[in-house]
């Protein structure tokens, strides 16, 4: 008779600075929220679309270049599959119009991202608490799939956007907004619904 122990689950949550920087630039320029397949909502906390460097005549070109920039950065984050730096400045060389406008915003963007990231971790639940999101993720998987054996790695890419939303990027790889991650009940319900679809 074969005995199955609970799966050994590793849950990793990471928030790529490069993606938050790109979203900050998008919102400061007042670009469309759905460009390039980006999350269809603004940053949280919101930033004002008050940048005067964007002229009406080149709006379409800037939008296209931002879409290209975002697509490359998001693809790099997906390929990396772990916390770590992603070059967001270098690719702007290939998007010269956007780069010219975005470069003065990058320092503000980095400051905004750092200010938001400093207080996140406590909102996931205390490290020793059953509500700590990595621990909660492991428990939900163990409960839903008690007869699965072997090691399971689950990745969550965090985005600082307003809606309580999450979606599947690939097998055992998800994107999740901060409001969803911080809402214990909503996160529990959302992730539990993902497990039967496959990890």
N, C-alpha and C. Protein backbone atom coordinates (compact mmCIF):
# COMPACT_ATOMS: atom_id res chain seq x y z
N UNK A 1 0.85 -1.19 0.00
CA UNK A 1 0.00 0.00 0.00
C UNK A 1 0.89 1.24 0.00
N UNK A 2 0.54 2.20 -0.82
CA UNK A 2 1.30 3.44 -0.89
C UNK A 2 0.69 4.47 0.05
N UNK A 3 1.52 5.13 0.79
CA UNK A 3 1.05 6.17 1.69
C UNK A 3 1.47 7.53 1.13
N UNK A 4 0.53 8.44 1.14
CA UNK A 4 0.78 9.76 0.58
C UNK A 4 0.82 10.79 1.70
N UNK A 5 1.92 11.48 1.82
CA UNK A 5 2.00 12.56 2.79
C UNK A 5 1.54 13.86 2.17
N UNK A 6 1.33 14.87 2.99
CA UNK A 6 0.94 16.17 2.44
C UNK A 6 2.03 16.72 1.53
N UNK A 7 1.67 17.43 0.48
CA UNK A 7 2.67 17.95 -0.44
C UNK A 7 3.57 18.98 0.25
N UNK A 8 4.81 19.01 -0.14
CA UNK A 8 5.73 20.02 0.37
C UNK A 8 5.60 21.23 -0.53
N UNK A 9 4.96 22.25 -0.02
CA UNK A 9 4.64 23.43 -0.83
C UNK A 9 5.54 24.59 -0.45
N UNK A 10 6.09 25.22 -1.44
CA UNK A 10 6.84 26.46 -1.26
C UNK A 10 6.06 27.57 -1.96
N UNK A 11 5.71 28.60 -1.21
CA UNK A 11 4.97 29.72 -1.78
C UNK A 11 5.85 30.96 -1.74
N UNK A 12 6.09 31.54 -2.90
CA UNK A 12 6.95 32.72 -3.01
C UNK A 12 6.13 33.89 -3.53
N UNK A 13 6.17 35.00 -2.81
CA UNK A 13 5.50 36.22 -3.22
C UNK A 13 6.57 37.25 -3.55
N UNK A 14 6.49 37.85 -4.74
CA UNK A 14 7.48 38.86 -5.09
C UNK A 14 6.83 39.99 -5.87
N UNK A 15 7.39 41.18 -5.66
CA UNK A 15 6.84 42.40 -6.25
C UNK A 15 7.94 43.08 -7.06
N UNK A 16 8.03 42.80 -8.35
CA UNK A 16 9.11 43.38 -9.16
C UNK A 16 9.04 44.90 -9.20
N UNK A 17 10.11 45.54 -8.77
CA UNK A 17 10.16 46.99 -8.77
C UNK A 17 9.92 47.55 -10.17
N UNK A 18 10.46 46.87 -11.18
CA UNK A 18 10.36 47.37 -12.55
C UNK A 18 8.91 47.52 -13.00
N UNK A 19 8.06 46.57 -12.63
CA UNK A 19 6.66 46.65 -13.04
C UNK A 19 5.95 47.79 -12.34
N UNK A 20 6.24 47.99 -11.07
CA UNK A 20 5.62 49.10 -10.34
C UNK A 20 6.09 50.44 -10.89
N UNK A 21 7.36 50.53 -11.27
CA UNK A 21 7.88 51.75 -11.87
C UNK A 21 7.16 52.04 -13.18
N UNK A 22 6.98 51.03 -14.00
CA UNK A 22 6.30 51.22 -15.29
C UNK A 22 4.86 51.66 -15.08
N UNK A 23 4.18 51.07 -14.11
CA UNK A 23 2.79 51.46 -13.83
C UNK A 23 2.72 52.89 -13.30
N UNK A 24 3.71 53.28 -12.53
CA UNK A 24 3.77 54.66 -12.04
C UNK A 24 3.90 55.63 -13.22
N UNK A 25 4.78 55.33 -14.15
CA UNK A 25 4.95 56.18 -15.33
C UNK A 25 3.65 56.24 -16.12
N UNK A 26 3.01 55.09 -16.29
CA UNK A 26 1.73 55.05 -17.01
C UNK A 26 0.72 55.99 -16.39
N UNK A 27 0.58 55.93 -15.07
CA UNK A 27 -0.44 56.73 -14.41
C UNK A 27 -0.08 58.21 -14.35
N UNK A 28 1.19 58.53 -14.18
CA UNK A 28 1.59 59.94 -14.19
C UNK A 28 1.37 60.57 -15.55
N UNK A 29 1.51 59.77 -16.61
CA UNK A 29 1.27 60.29 -17.96
C UNK A 29 -0.20 60.23 -18.35
N UNK A 30 -1.02 59.61 -17.51
CA UNK A 30 -2.45 59.52 -17.80
C UNK A 30 -2.77 58.60 -18.96
N UNK A 31 -1.93 57.59 -19.19
CA UNK A 31 -2.16 56.65 -20.28
C UNK A 31 -3.27 55.67 -19.92
N UNK A 32 -3.81 55.02 -20.93
CA UNK A 32 -4.91 54.07 -20.72
C UNK A 32 -4.48 52.93 -19.81
N UNK A 33 -5.38 52.50 -18.92
CA UNK A 33 -5.02 51.49 -17.92
C UNK A 33 -4.84 50.09 -18.51
N UNK A 34 -5.32 49.85 -19.71
CA UNK A 34 -5.24 48.51 -20.28
C UNK A 34 -4.16 48.37 -21.34
N UNK A 35 -3.29 49.35 -21.47
CA UNK A 35 -2.24 49.28 -22.49
C UNK A 35 -1.37 48.05 -22.31
N UNK A 36 -1.04 47.42 -23.40
CA UNK A 36 -0.08 46.32 -23.37
C UNK A 36 -0.49 45.13 -22.54
N UNK A 37 -1.79 45.02 -22.26
CA UNK A 37 -2.24 43.92 -21.41
C UNK A 37 -1.94 44.15 -19.95
N UNK A 38 -1.64 45.40 -19.57
CA UNK A 38 -1.37 45.69 -18.16
C UNK A 38 -2.67 45.62 -17.37
N UNK A 39 -2.57 45.51 -16.03
CA UNK A 39 -3.80 45.44 -15.22
C UNK A 39 -4.70 46.62 -15.51
N UNK A 40 -5.97 46.38 -15.68
CA UNK A 40 -6.89 47.43 -16.08
C UNK A 40 -7.35 48.32 -14.96
N UNK A 41 -6.44 48.75 -14.10
CA UNK A 41 -6.80 49.68 -13.04
C UNK A 41 -5.57 50.49 -12.64
N UNK A 42 -5.82 51.58 -11.96
CA UNK A 42 -4.75 52.49 -11.55
C UNK A 42 -4.00 51.97 -10.33
N UNK A 43 -2.90 52.64 -10.04
CA UNK A 43 -2.11 52.30 -8.86
C UNK A 43 -2.89 52.57 -7.58
N UNK A 44 -2.50 51.87 -6.54
CA UNK A 44 -3.00 52.15 -5.20
C UNK A 44 -1.80 52.26 -4.27
N UNK A 45 -1.67 53.36 -3.55
CA UNK A 45 -2.47 54.58 -3.63
C UNK A 45 -2.27 55.28 -4.97
N UNK A 46 -3.28 56.03 -5.36
CA UNK A 46 -3.28 56.65 -6.68
C UNK A 46 -2.24 57.77 -6.77
N UNK A 47 -1.77 58.00 -7.97
CA UNK A 47 -0.90 59.14 -8.25
C UNK A 47 -1.59 60.02 -9.29
N UNK A 48 -1.29 61.30 -9.27
CA UNK A 48 -1.96 62.24 -10.17
C UNK A 48 -1.37 62.20 -11.57
N UNK A 49 -2.25 62.25 -12.55
CA UNK A 49 -1.81 62.33 -13.95
C UNK A 49 -1.57 63.80 -14.27
N UNK A 50 -0.43 64.31 -13.79
CA UNK A 50 -0.18 65.75 -13.87
C UNK A 50 1.07 66.10 -14.66
N UNK A 51 1.61 65.11 -15.39
CA UNK A 51 2.86 65.37 -16.10
C UNK A 51 2.58 66.14 -17.38
N UNK A 52 3.31 67.23 -17.59
CA UNK A 52 3.02 68.12 -18.72
C UNK A 52 3.88 67.81 -19.94
N UNK A 53 4.75 66.82 -19.85
CA UNK A 53 5.64 66.53 -20.97
C UNK A 53 4.98 65.78 -22.11
N UNK A 54 3.76 65.30 -21.91
CA UNK A 54 3.08 64.53 -22.95
C UNK A 54 2.18 65.45 -23.76
N UNK A 55 2.48 65.58 -25.03
CA UNK A 55 1.69 66.43 -25.91
C UNK A 55 0.65 65.59 -26.64
N UNK A 56 -0.44 66.24 -26.99
CA UNK A 56 -1.54 65.53 -27.63
C UNK A 56 -1.11 64.85 -28.91
N UNK A 57 -0.22 65.49 -29.66
CA UNK A 57 0.18 64.96 -30.95
C UNK A 57 0.94 63.65 -30.89
N UNK A 58 1.67 63.40 -29.81
CA UNK A 58 2.46 62.16 -29.75
C UNK A 58 1.90 61.16 -28.75
N UNK A 59 0.66 61.36 -28.35
CA UNK A 59 0.04 60.48 -27.36
C UNK A 59 -0.01 59.04 -27.85
N UNK A 60 -0.39 58.84 -29.11
CA UNK A 60 -0.51 57.48 -29.64
C UNK A 60 0.85 56.78 -29.68
N UNK A 61 1.89 57.51 -30.07
CA UNK A 61 3.22 56.91 -30.14
C UNK A 61 3.75 56.58 -28.74
N UNK A 62 3.53 57.47 -27.80
CA UNK A 62 3.96 57.21 -26.42
C UNK A 62 3.21 56.01 -25.86
N UNK A 63 1.94 55.91 -26.15
CA UNK A 63 1.15 54.77 -25.68
C UNK A 63 1.70 53.46 -26.25
N UNK A 64 2.03 53.48 -27.55
CA UNK A 64 2.56 52.27 -28.19
C UNK A 64 3.91 51.90 -27.59
N UNK A 65 4.75 52.89 -27.33
CA UNK A 65 6.07 52.61 -26.76
C UNK A 65 5.96 52.13 -25.32
N UNK A 66 5.01 52.69 -24.56
CA UNK A 66 4.82 52.20 -23.19
C UNK A 66 4.35 50.75 -23.21
N UNK A 67 3.44 50.42 -24.13
CA UNK A 67 2.96 49.04 -24.25
C UNK A 67 4.11 48.08 -24.52
N UNK A 68 5.01 48.48 -25.41
CA UNK A 68 6.17 47.65 -25.73
C UNK A 68 7.08 47.50 -24.50
N UNK A 69 7.30 48.60 -23.80
CA UNK A 69 8.14 48.59 -22.58
C UNK A 69 7.56 47.66 -21.53
N UNK A 70 6.25 47.81 -21.29
CA UNK A 70 5.58 46.97 -20.28
C UNK A 70 5.64 45.50 -20.66
N UNK A 71 5.36 45.20 -21.91
CA UNK A 71 5.36 43.80 -22.35
C UNK A 71 6.72 43.16 -22.11
N UNK A 72 7.79 43.89 -22.41
CA UNK A 72 9.14 43.36 -22.18
C UNK A 72 9.44 43.16 -20.72
N UNK A 73 9.04 44.12 -19.88
CA UNK A 73 9.30 44.01 -18.44
C UNK A 73 8.50 42.87 -17.82
N UNK A 74 7.24 42.77 -18.21
CA UNK A 74 6.40 41.70 -17.65
C UNK A 74 6.94 40.34 -18.08
N UNK A 75 7.34 40.24 -19.34
CA UNK A 75 7.92 38.98 -19.82
C UNK A 75 9.18 38.62 -19.05
N UNK A 76 10.01 39.62 -18.73
CA UNK A 76 11.23 39.37 -17.96
C UNK A 76 10.91 38.87 -16.56
N UNK A 77 9.87 39.45 -15.95
CA UNK A 77 9.47 39.02 -14.61
C UNK A 77 8.96 37.59 -14.63
N UNK A 78 8.19 37.25 -15.65
CA UNK A 78 7.65 35.89 -15.76
C UNK A 78 8.77 34.88 -15.98
N UNK A 79 9.73 35.22 -16.81
CA UNK A 79 10.85 34.32 -17.07
C UNK A 79 11.74 34.15 -15.84
N UNK A 80 11.89 35.22 -15.08
CA UNK A 80 12.77 35.17 -13.91
C UNK A 80 12.20 34.26 -12.82
N UNK A 81 10.90 34.40 -12.56
CA UNK A 81 10.18 33.54 -11.60
C UNK A 81 10.75 33.58 -10.18
N UNK A 82 11.34 34.68 -9.80
CA UNK A 82 11.84 34.81 -8.44
C UNK A 82 12.15 36.28 -8.17
N UNK A 83 12.24 36.66 -6.90
CA UNK A 83 12.59 38.04 -6.59
C UNK A 83 13.97 38.40 -7.13
N UNK A 84 14.11 39.64 -7.54
CA UNK A 84 15.41 40.08 -8.04
C UNK A 84 15.22 41.26 -8.98
N UNK A 85 16.28 42.00 -9.25
CA UNK A 85 16.18 43.20 -10.07
C UNK A 85 15.92 42.89 -11.54
N UNK A 86 15.12 43.74 -12.15
CA UNK A 86 14.86 43.68 -13.59
C UNK A 86 15.18 45.06 -14.15
N UNK A 87 15.97 45.12 -15.20
CA UNK A 87 16.39 46.39 -15.79
C UNK A 87 15.21 47.05 -16.49
N UNK A 88 14.76 48.16 -15.95
CA UNK A 88 13.67 48.90 -16.59
C UNK A 88 14.19 50.11 -17.36
N UNK A 89 15.41 50.57 -17.04
CA UNK A 89 15.95 51.76 -17.69
C UNK A 89 16.54 51.44 -19.06
N UNK A 90 17.31 50.37 -19.14
CA UNK A 90 17.96 50.00 -20.39
C UNK A 90 17.00 49.86 -21.56
N UNK A 91 15.86 49.17 -21.39
CA UNK A 91 14.93 49.01 -22.50
C UNK A 91 14.35 50.32 -23.03
N UNK A 92 14.40 51.39 -22.24
CA UNK A 92 13.88 52.67 -22.72
C UNK A 92 14.70 53.24 -23.87
N UNK A 93 15.92 52.73 -24.05
CA UNK A 93 16.74 53.15 -25.19
C UNK A 93 16.02 52.82 -26.49
N UNK A 94 15.26 51.74 -26.48
CA UNK A 94 14.54 51.31 -27.68
C UNK A 94 13.18 52.00 -27.82
N UNK A 95 12.82 52.79 -26.82
CA UNK A 95 11.56 53.54 -26.85
C UNK A 95 11.91 55.01 -26.61
N UNK A 96 12.57 55.67 -27.58
CA UNK A 96 13.18 56.99 -27.33
C UNK A 96 12.20 58.08 -26.93
N UNK A 97 11.02 58.12 -27.55
CA UNK A 97 10.06 59.17 -27.19
C UNK A 97 9.58 58.99 -25.76
N UNK A 98 9.24 57.76 -25.43
CA UNK A 98 8.82 57.47 -24.05
C UNK A 98 9.97 57.72 -23.08
N UNK A 99 11.17 57.27 -23.45
CA UNK A 99 12.32 57.45 -22.57
C UNK A 99 12.57 58.91 -22.23
N UNK A 100 12.44 59.78 -23.23
CA UNK A 100 12.67 61.21 -23.02
C UNK A 100 11.69 61.77 -22.00
N UNK A 101 10.44 61.33 -22.08
CA UNK A 101 9.41 61.83 -21.17
C UNK A 101 9.48 61.13 -19.81
N UNK A 102 9.77 59.83 -19.82
CA UNK A 102 9.72 59.04 -18.59
C UNK A 102 10.92 59.24 -17.68
N UNK A 103 12.08 59.54 -18.27
CA UNK A 103 13.30 59.60 -17.45
C UNK A 103 13.19 60.55 -16.26
N UNK A 104 12.61 61.76 -16.44
CA UNK A 104 12.49 62.65 -15.27
C UNK A 104 11.56 62.10 -14.19
N UNK A 105 10.71 61.14 -14.54
CA UNK A 105 9.76 60.58 -13.57
C UNK A 105 10.33 59.41 -12.78
N UNK A 106 11.45 58.86 -13.24
CA UNK A 106 11.92 57.60 -12.65
C UNK A 106 12.32 57.74 -11.19
N UNK A 107 12.93 58.86 -10.83
CA UNK A 107 13.32 59.04 -9.43
C UNK A 107 12.08 59.07 -8.54
N UNK A 108 11.05 59.80 -8.97
CA UNK A 108 9.80 59.83 -8.21
C UNK A 108 9.19 58.43 -8.14
N UNK A 109 9.27 57.72 -9.25
CA UNK A 109 8.70 56.37 -9.30
C UNK A 109 9.38 55.45 -8.30
N UNK A 110 10.71 55.50 -8.25
CA UNK A 110 11.46 54.64 -7.33
C UNK A 110 11.10 54.98 -5.89
N UNK A 111 10.98 56.28 -5.59
CA UNK A 111 10.59 56.69 -4.24
C UNK A 111 9.21 56.21 -3.88
N UNK A 112 8.28 56.31 -4.84
CA UNK A 112 6.91 55.85 -4.58
C UNK A 112 6.89 54.36 -4.31
N UNK A 113 7.59 53.59 -5.12
CA UNK A 113 7.61 52.13 -4.95
C UNK A 113 8.21 51.76 -3.60
N UNK A 114 9.31 52.40 -3.24
CA UNK A 114 9.97 52.09 -1.96
C UNK A 114 9.05 52.41 -0.78
N UNK A 115 8.34 53.53 -0.88
CA UNK A 115 7.45 53.92 0.21
C UNK A 115 6.32 52.92 0.40
N UNK A 116 5.82 52.37 -0.68
CA UNK A 116 4.72 51.41 -0.57
C UNK A 116 5.23 50.05 -0.10
N UNK A 117 6.40 49.65 -0.55
CA UNK A 117 6.91 48.31 -0.23
C UNK A 117 7.31 48.18 1.24
N UNK A 118 7.66 49.29 1.87
CA UNK A 118 8.16 49.22 3.25
C UNK A 118 7.15 48.64 4.22
N UNK A 119 5.86 48.87 4.00
CA UNK A 119 4.86 48.46 4.99
C UNK A 119 4.03 47.26 4.58
N UNK A 120 4.33 46.69 3.41
CA UNK A 120 3.49 45.60 2.90
C UNK A 120 3.44 44.38 3.78
N UNK A 121 4.64 43.94 4.18
CA UNK A 121 4.78 42.59 4.70
C UNK A 121 3.87 42.34 5.89
N UNK A 122 3.73 43.35 6.75
CA UNK A 122 2.86 43.18 7.91
C UNK A 122 1.41 42.97 7.55
N UNK A 123 1.02 43.44 6.37
CA UNK A 123 -0.37 43.30 5.97
C UNK A 123 -0.68 41.92 5.40
N UNK A 124 0.35 41.09 5.29
CA UNK A 124 0.11 39.71 4.85
C UNK A 124 -0.21 38.82 6.03
N UNK A 125 -0.10 39.36 7.24
CA UNK A 125 -0.23 38.55 8.44
C UNK A 125 1.14 38.38 9.08
N UNK A 126 1.15 38.24 10.39
CA UNK A 126 2.41 38.05 11.11
C UNK A 126 3.09 36.76 10.69
N UNK A 127 4.42 36.77 10.70
CA UNK A 127 5.20 35.59 10.29
C UNK A 127 4.78 34.33 11.03
N UNK A 128 4.41 34.47 12.30
CA UNK A 128 4.04 33.31 13.11
C UNK A 128 2.55 33.03 13.10
N UNK A 129 1.82 33.83 12.34
CA UNK A 129 0.36 33.70 12.33
C UNK A 129 -0.11 32.76 11.23
N UNK A 130 -1.21 32.03 11.45
CA UNK A 130 -1.76 31.19 10.39
C UNK A 130 -2.29 32.00 9.21
N UNK A 131 -2.43 33.32 9.39
CA UNK A 131 -2.90 34.15 8.28
C UNK A 131 -1.75 34.68 7.42
N UNK A 132 -0.50 34.39 7.80
CA UNK A 132 0.64 34.79 6.97
C UNK A 132 0.46 34.14 5.61
N UNK A 133 0.46 34.93 4.55
CA UNK A 133 0.01 34.44 3.25
C UNK A 133 0.78 33.22 2.72
N UNK A 134 2.10 33.15 2.82
CA UNK A 134 2.76 31.92 2.38
C UNK A 134 2.30 30.69 3.16
N UNK A 135 2.11 30.84 4.47
CA UNK A 135 1.64 29.71 5.28
C UNK A 135 0.20 29.34 4.91
N UNK A 136 -0.64 30.35 4.73
CA UNK A 136 -2.03 30.10 4.36
C UNK A 136 -2.11 29.38 3.02
N UNK A 137 -1.27 29.79 2.07
CA UNK A 137 -1.24 29.14 0.76
C UNK A 137 -0.92 27.66 0.90
N UNK A 138 0.08 27.34 1.69
CA UNK A 138 0.47 25.94 1.90
C UNK A 138 -0.68 25.14 2.50
N UNK A 139 -1.36 25.72 3.48
CA UNK A 139 -2.44 25.01 4.15
C UNK A 139 -3.62 24.77 3.21
N UNK A 140 -3.93 25.74 2.36
CA UNK A 140 -5.03 25.57 1.41
C UNK A 140 -4.72 24.46 0.41
N UNK A 141 -3.47 24.40 -0.05
CA UNK A 141 -3.09 23.34 -0.99
C UNK A 141 -3.14 21.98 -0.30
N UNK A 142 -2.61 21.90 0.91
CA UNK A 142 -2.60 20.63 1.63
C UNK A 142 -4.02 20.13 1.90
N UNK A 143 -4.92 21.05 2.19
CA UNK A 143 -6.31 20.67 2.46
C UNK A 143 -7.02 20.21 1.19
N UNK A 144 -6.77 20.90 0.08
CA UNK A 144 -7.47 20.58 -1.17
C UNK A 144 -6.89 19.36 -1.86
N UNK A 145 -5.59 19.11 -1.66
CA UNK A 145 -4.93 18.01 -2.38
C UNK A 145 -4.10 17.17 -1.40
N UNK A 146 -4.75 16.54 -0.44
CA UNK A 146 -4.00 15.83 0.61
C UNK A 146 -3.26 14.60 0.11
N UNK A 147 -3.64 14.05 -1.02
CA UNK A 147 -3.02 12.82 -1.49
C UNK A 147 -1.95 13.05 -2.56
N UNK A 148 -1.64 14.30 -2.79
CA UNK A 148 -0.59 14.62 -3.75
C UNK A 148 0.75 14.59 -3.02
N UNK A 149 1.73 13.97 -3.63
CA UNK A 149 3.05 13.93 -3.01
C UNK A 149 4.06 14.66 -3.88
N UNK A 150 5.21 14.92 -3.31
CA UNK A 150 6.24 15.63 -4.05
C UNK A 150 6.27 17.11 -3.70
N UNK A 151 7.23 17.78 -4.25
CA UNK A 151 7.43 19.20 -3.97
C UNK A 151 6.62 20.06 -4.93
N UNK A 152 6.04 21.13 -4.42
CA UNK A 152 5.22 22.03 -5.23
C UNK A 152 5.66 23.46 -4.96
N UNK A 153 6.04 24.18 -6.00
CA UNK A 153 6.42 25.58 -5.87
C UNK A 153 5.34 26.45 -6.50
N UNK A 154 4.85 27.40 -5.74
CA UNK A 154 3.80 28.30 -6.22
C UNK A 154 4.33 29.73 -6.14
N UNK A 155 4.16 30.46 -7.22
CA UNK A 155 4.68 31.82 -7.31
C UNK A 155 3.55 32.83 -7.43
N UNK A 156 3.69 33.94 -6.72
CA UNK A 156 2.72 35.03 -6.79
C UNK A 156 3.46 36.32 -7.12
N UNK A 157 3.10 36.93 -8.22
CA UNK A 157 3.66 38.21 -8.63
C UNK A 157 2.69 39.29 -8.15
N UNK A 158 3.16 40.19 -7.31
CA UNK A 158 2.29 41.20 -6.69
C UNK A 158 2.34 42.50 -7.49
N UNK A 159 1.16 43.07 -7.74
CA UNK A 159 1.07 44.34 -8.45
C UNK A 159 0.27 45.34 -7.61
N UNK A 160 0.74 46.58 -7.50
CA UNK A 160 0.08 47.58 -6.64
C UNK A 160 -1.05 48.32 -7.35
N UNK A 161 -2.07 47.59 -7.76
CA UNK A 161 -3.19 48.20 -8.47
C UNK A 161 -4.46 48.12 -7.62
N UNK A 162 -5.45 48.93 -7.97
CA UNK A 162 -6.59 49.17 -7.10
C UNK A 162 -7.54 47.99 -6.93
N UNK A 163 -7.83 47.28 -7.98
CA UNK A 163 -8.87 46.26 -7.91
C UNK A 163 -8.42 45.05 -7.09
N UNK A 164 -9.36 44.41 -6.42
CA UNK A 164 -9.09 43.12 -5.77
C UNK A 164 -9.15 42.04 -6.85
N UNK A 165 -8.02 41.78 -7.45
CA UNK A 165 -8.02 40.88 -8.60
C UNK A 165 -6.79 39.99 -8.60
N UNK A 166 -6.92 38.85 -9.23
CA UNK A 166 -5.81 37.94 -9.41
C UNK A 166 -6.07 37.10 -10.65
N UNK A 167 -5.02 36.61 -11.28
CA UNK A 167 -5.21 35.77 -12.45
C UNK A 167 -4.03 34.83 -12.60
N UNK A 168 -4.25 33.79 -13.35
CA UNK A 168 -3.22 32.79 -13.57
C UNK A 168 -2.31 33.21 -14.73
N UNK A 169 -1.00 33.19 -14.48
CA UNK A 169 -0.02 33.46 -15.53
C UNK A 169 0.39 32.17 -16.20
N UNK A 170 0.57 31.14 -15.42
CA UNK A 170 0.98 29.83 -15.92
C UNK A 170 0.77 28.80 -14.84
N UNK A 171 1.27 27.61 -15.06
CA UNK A 171 1.13 26.55 -14.06
C UNK A 171 1.80 26.98 -12.76
N UNK A 172 1.04 27.02 -11.69
CA UNK A 172 1.54 27.38 -10.35
C UNK A 172 2.14 28.78 -10.31
N UNK A 173 1.68 29.65 -11.18
CA UNK A 173 2.21 31.02 -11.25
C UNK A 173 1.03 31.98 -11.41
N UNK A 174 0.90 32.91 -10.47
CA UNK A 174 -0.24 33.80 -10.45
C UNK A 174 0.20 35.25 -10.28
N UNK A 175 -0.64 36.16 -10.77
CA UNK A 175 -0.50 37.58 -10.45
C UNK A 175 -1.62 37.92 -9.48
N UNK A 176 -1.30 38.78 -8.52
CA UNK A 176 -2.29 39.14 -7.51
C UNK A 176 -2.10 40.61 -7.15
N UNK A 177 -3.20 41.33 -7.02
CA UNK A 177 -3.11 42.73 -6.63
C UNK A 177 -2.92 42.84 -5.12
N UNK A 178 -2.35 43.96 -4.70
CA UNK A 178 -2.16 44.15 -3.26
C UNK A 178 -3.48 44.15 -2.49
N UNK A 179 -4.53 44.83 -2.99
CA UNK A 179 -5.77 44.79 -2.23
C UNK A 179 -6.31 43.37 -2.03
N UNK A 180 -6.16 42.50 -3.03
CA UNK A 180 -6.59 41.12 -2.86
C UNK A 180 -5.70 40.40 -1.86
N UNK A 181 -4.40 40.60 -1.96
CA UNK A 181 -3.47 39.95 -1.05
C UNK A 181 -3.71 40.37 0.39
N UNK A 182 -4.03 41.64 0.60
CA UNK A 182 -4.21 42.16 1.96
C UNK A 182 -5.56 41.79 2.55
N UNK A 183 -6.53 41.44 1.72
CA UNK A 183 -7.86 41.06 2.19
C UNK A 183 -7.87 39.55 2.44
N UNK A 184 -7.75 39.15 3.68
CA UNK A 184 -7.59 37.74 4.03
C UNK A 184 -8.70 36.87 3.47
N UNK A 185 -9.94 37.27 3.69
CA UNK A 185 -11.08 36.46 3.24
C UNK A 185 -11.12 36.36 1.72
N UNK A 186 -10.91 37.50 1.05
CA UNK A 186 -10.96 37.51 -0.42
C UNK A 186 -9.83 36.68 -1.01
N UNK A 187 -8.62 36.81 -0.44
CA UNK A 187 -7.49 36.04 -0.96
C UNK A 187 -7.72 34.55 -0.76
N UNK A 188 -8.19 34.17 0.43
CA UNK A 188 -8.44 32.76 0.70
C UNK A 188 -9.44 32.18 -0.30
N UNK A 189 -10.53 32.90 -0.52
CA UNK A 189 -11.57 32.42 -1.43
C UNK A 189 -11.05 32.34 -2.86
N UNK A 190 -10.33 33.37 -3.29
CA UNK A 190 -9.81 33.39 -4.66
C UNK A 190 -8.82 32.26 -4.90
N UNK A 191 -7.84 32.10 -4.00
CA UNK A 191 -6.82 31.09 -4.25
C UNK A 191 -7.39 29.68 -4.14
N UNK A 192 -8.30 29.46 -3.20
CA UNK A 192 -8.92 28.14 -3.07
C UNK A 192 -9.61 27.74 -4.37
N UNK A 193 -10.17 28.72 -5.08
CA UNK A 193 -10.85 28.43 -6.34
C UNK A 193 -9.86 28.10 -7.46
N UNK A 194 -8.60 28.50 -7.33
CA UNK A 194 -7.60 28.21 -8.36
C UNK A 194 -7.07 26.78 -8.28
N UNK A 195 -7.08 26.20 -7.08
CA UNK A 195 -6.42 24.91 -6.87
C UNK A 195 -7.02 23.79 -7.72
N UNK A 196 -8.35 23.65 -7.79
CA UNK A 196 -8.90 22.55 -8.60
C UNK A 196 -8.56 22.65 -10.08
N UNK A 197 -8.23 23.86 -10.56
CA UNK A 197 -7.91 24.04 -11.98
C UNK A 197 -6.49 23.58 -12.30
N UNK A 198 -5.74 23.25 -11.28
CA UNK A 198 -4.39 22.73 -11.51
C UNK A 198 -3.30 23.63 -11.00
N UNK A 199 -2.30 23.02 -10.38
CA UNK A 199 -1.13 23.75 -9.89
C UNK A 199 0.12 23.12 -10.48
